Amino acid sequence: MMVVLALVILAALGGEGRRQTCIDSATGDGA
């Protein structure tokens, strides 16, 4: 159970990180 929760949390954090990088790259290209 804890392993599954950890994977879900890591996936959520990874998704947020990807979104931030996408936003950063978009702003960088725009600038």
PDB file of N, CA and C in Angstrom:
ATOM      1  N   MET A   1       0.843  -1.209   0.000  1.00  0.00           N
ATOM      2  CA  MET A   1       0.000   0.000   0.000  1.00  0.00           C
ATOM      3  C   MET A   1       0.872   1.251   0.000  1.00  0.00           C
ATOM      4  N   MET A   2       1.847   1.315   0.888  1.00  0.00           N
ATOM      5  CA  MET A   2       2.691   2.510   0.981  1.00  0.00           C
ATOM      6  C   MET A   2       3.459   2.715  -0.321  1.00  0.00           C
ATOM      7  N   VAL A   3       3.876   1.611  -0.928  1.00  0.00           N
ATOM      8  CA  VAL A   3       4.628   1.731  -2.185  1.00  0.00           C
ATOM      9  C   VAL A   3       3.738   2.335  -3.258  1.00  0.00           C
ATOM     10  N   VAL A   4       2.488   1.892  -3.311  1.00  0.00           N
ATOM     11  CA  VAL A   4       1.553   2.416  -4.322  1.00  0.00           C
ATOM     12  C   VAL A   4       1.324   3.909  -4.080  1.00  0.00           C
ATOM     13  N   LEU A   5       1.137   4.271  -2.813  1.00  0.00           N
ATOM     14  CA  LEU A   5       0.919   5.687  -2.492  1.00  0.00           C
ATOM     15  C   LEU A   5       2.142   6.505  -2.892  1.00  0.00           C
ATOM     16  N   ALA A   6       3.316   5.971  -2.638  1.00  0.00           N
ATOM     17  CA  ALA A   6       4.549   6.683  -2.981  1.00  0.00           C
ATOM     18  C   ALA A   6       4.619   6.896  -4.498  1.00  0.00           C
ATOM     19  N   LEU A   7       4.270   5.861  -5.267  1.00  0.00           N
ATOM     20  CA  LEU A   7       4.304   5.976  -6.723  1.00  0.00           C
ATOM     21  C   LEU A   7       3.313   7.036  -7.188  1.00  0.00           C
ATOM     22  N   VAL A   8       2.145   7.050  -6.585  1.00  0.00           N
ATOM     23  CA  VAL A   8       1.121   8.033  -6.968  1.00  0.00           C
ATOM     24  C   VAL A   8       1.617   9.446  -6.665  1.00  0.00           C
ATOM     25  N   ILE A   9       2.233   9.623  -5.495  1.00  0.00           N
ATOM     26  CA  ILE A   9       2.752  10.941  -5.112  1.00  0.00           C
ATOM     27  C   ILE A   9       3.860  11.360  -6.075  1.00  0.00           C
ATOM     28  N   LEU A  10       4.760  10.437  -6.385  1.00  0.00           N
ATOM     29  CA  LEU A  10       5.859  10.762  -7.303  1.00  0.00           C
ATOM     30  C   LEU A  10       5.297  11.120  -8.667  1.00  0.00           C
ATOM     31  N   ALA A  11       4.285  10.398  -9.111  1.00  0.00           N
ATOM     32  CA  ALA A  11       3.670  10.676 -10.412  1.00  0.00           C
ATOM     33  C   ALA A  11       3.053  12.067 -10.398  1.00  0.00           C
ATOM     34  N   ALA A  12       2.390  12.406  -9.297  1.00  0.00           N
ATOM     35  CA  ALA A  12       1.748  13.724  -9.191  1.00  0.00           C
ATOM     36  C   ALA A  12       2.819  14.814  -9.203  1.00  0.00           C
ATOM     37  N   LEU A  13       3.897  14.609  -8.447  1.00  0.00           N
ATOM     38  CA  LEU A  13       4.967  15.606  -8.403  1.00  0.00           C
ATOM     39  C   LEU A  13       5.622  15.715  -9.775  1.00  0.00           C
ATOM     40  N   GLY A  14       5.812  14.583 -10.423  1.00  0.00           N
ATOM     41  CA  GLY A  14       6.429  14.589 -11.751  1.00  0.00           C
ATOM     42  C   GLY A  14       5.550  15.351 -12.734  1.00  0.00           C
ATOM     43  N   GLY A  15       4.241  15.170 -12.625  1.00  0.00           N
ATOM     44  CA  GLY A  15       3.326  15.868 -13.520  1.00  0.00           C
ATOM     45  C   GLY A  15       3.409  17.364 -13.296  1.00  0.00           C
ATOM     46  N   GLU A  16       3.473  17.777 -12.029  1.00  0.00           N
ATOM     47  CA  GLU A  16       3.558  19.206 -11.723  1.00  0.00           C
ATOM     48  C   GLU A  16       4.872  19.759 -12.263  1.00  0.00           C
ATOM     49  N   GLY A  17       5.945  19.008 -12.084  1.00  0.00           N
ATOM     50  CA  GLY A  17       7.244  19.465 -12.570  1.00  0.00           C
ATOM     51  C   GLY A  17       7.222  19.626 -14.084  1.00  0.00           C
ATOM     52  N   ARG A  18       6.593  18.682 -14.774  1.00  0.00           N
ATOM     53  CA  ARG A  18       6.528  18.780 -16.232  1.00  0.00           C
ATOM     54  C   ARG A  18       5.726  20.005 -16.632  1.00  0.00           C
ATOM     55  N   ARG A  19       4.657  20.270 -15.927  1.00  0.00           N
ATOM     56  CA  ARG A  19       3.830  21.438 -16.259  1.00  0.00           C
ATOM     57  C   ARG A  19       4.649  22.703 -16.073  1.00  0.00           C
ATOM     58  N   GLN A  20       5.410  22.775 -15.001  1.00  0.00           N
ATOM     59  CA  GLN A  20       6.222  23.962 -14.727  1.00  0.00           C
ATOM     60  C   GLN A  20       7.283  24.127 -15.818  1.00  0.00           C
ATOM     61  N   THR A  21       7.923  23.047 -16.214  1.00  0.00           N
ATOM     62  CA  THR A  21       8.954  23.133 -17.238  1.00  0.00           C
ATOM     63  C   THR A  21       8.328  23.558 -18.554  1.00  0.00           C
ATOM     64  N   CYS A  22       7.139  23.066 -18.839  1.00  0.00           N
ATOM     65  CA  CYS A  22       6.452  23.444 -20.076  1.00  0.00           C
ATOM     66  C   CYS A  22       6.156  24.934 -20.046  1.00  0.00           C
ATOM     67  N   ILE A  23       5.687  25.422 -18.900  1.00  0.00           N
ATOM     68  CA  ILE A  23       5.365  26.849 -18.772  1.00  0.00           C
ATOM     69  C   ILE A  23       6.646  27.670 -18.892  1.00  0.00           C
ATOM     70  N   ASP A  24       7.697  27.220 -18.237  1.00  0.00           N
ATOM     71  CA  ASP A  24       8.967  27.955 -18.284  1.00  0.00           C
ATOM     72  C   ASP A  24       9.488  27.999 -19.722  1.00  0.00           C
ATOM     73  N   SER A  25       9.444  26.888 -20.419  1.00  0.00           N
ATOM     74  CA  SER A  25       9.943  26.842 -21.791  1.00  0.00           C
ATOM     75  C   SER A  25       9.082  27.731 -22.678  1.00  0.00           C
ATOM     76  N   ALA A  26       7.768  27.756 -22.423  1.00  0.00           N
ATOM     77  CA  ALA A  26       6.859  28.581 -23.227  1.00  0.00           C
ATOM     78  C   ALA A  26       7.184  30.057 -23.010  1.00  0.00           C
ATOM     79  N   THR A  27       7.373  30.448 -21.755  1.00  0.00           N
ATOM     80  CA  THR A  27       7.680  31.849 -21.452  1.00  0.00           C
ATOM     81  C   THR A  27       9.051  32.202 -22.031  1.00  0.00           C
ATOM     82  N   GLY A  28       9.991  31.279 -21.949  1.00  0.00           N
ATOM     83  CA  GLY A  28      11.325  31.546 -22.473  1.00  0.00           C
ATOM     84  C   GLY A  28      11.258  31.755 -23.985  1.00  0.00           C
ATOM     85  N   ASP A  29      10.511  30.891 -24.677  1.00  0.00           N
ATOM     86  CA  ASP A  29      10.377  31.034 -26.129  1.00  0.00           C
ATOM     87  C   ASP A  29       9.661  32.341 -26.459  1.00  0.00           C
ATOM     88  N   GLY A  30       8.645  32.660 -25.674  1.00  0.00           N
ATOM     89  CA  GLY A  30       7.892  33.901 -25.921  1.00  0.00           C
ATOM     90  C   GLY A  30       8.782  35.117 -25.716  1.00  0.00           C
ATOM     91  N   ALA A  31       9.634  35.060 -24.690  1.00  0.00           N
ATOM     92  CA  ALA A  31      10.480  36.206 -24.383  1.00  0.00           C
ATOM     93  C   ALA A  31      11.563  36.311 -25.461  1.00  0.00           C
TER      94      ALA A  31
END
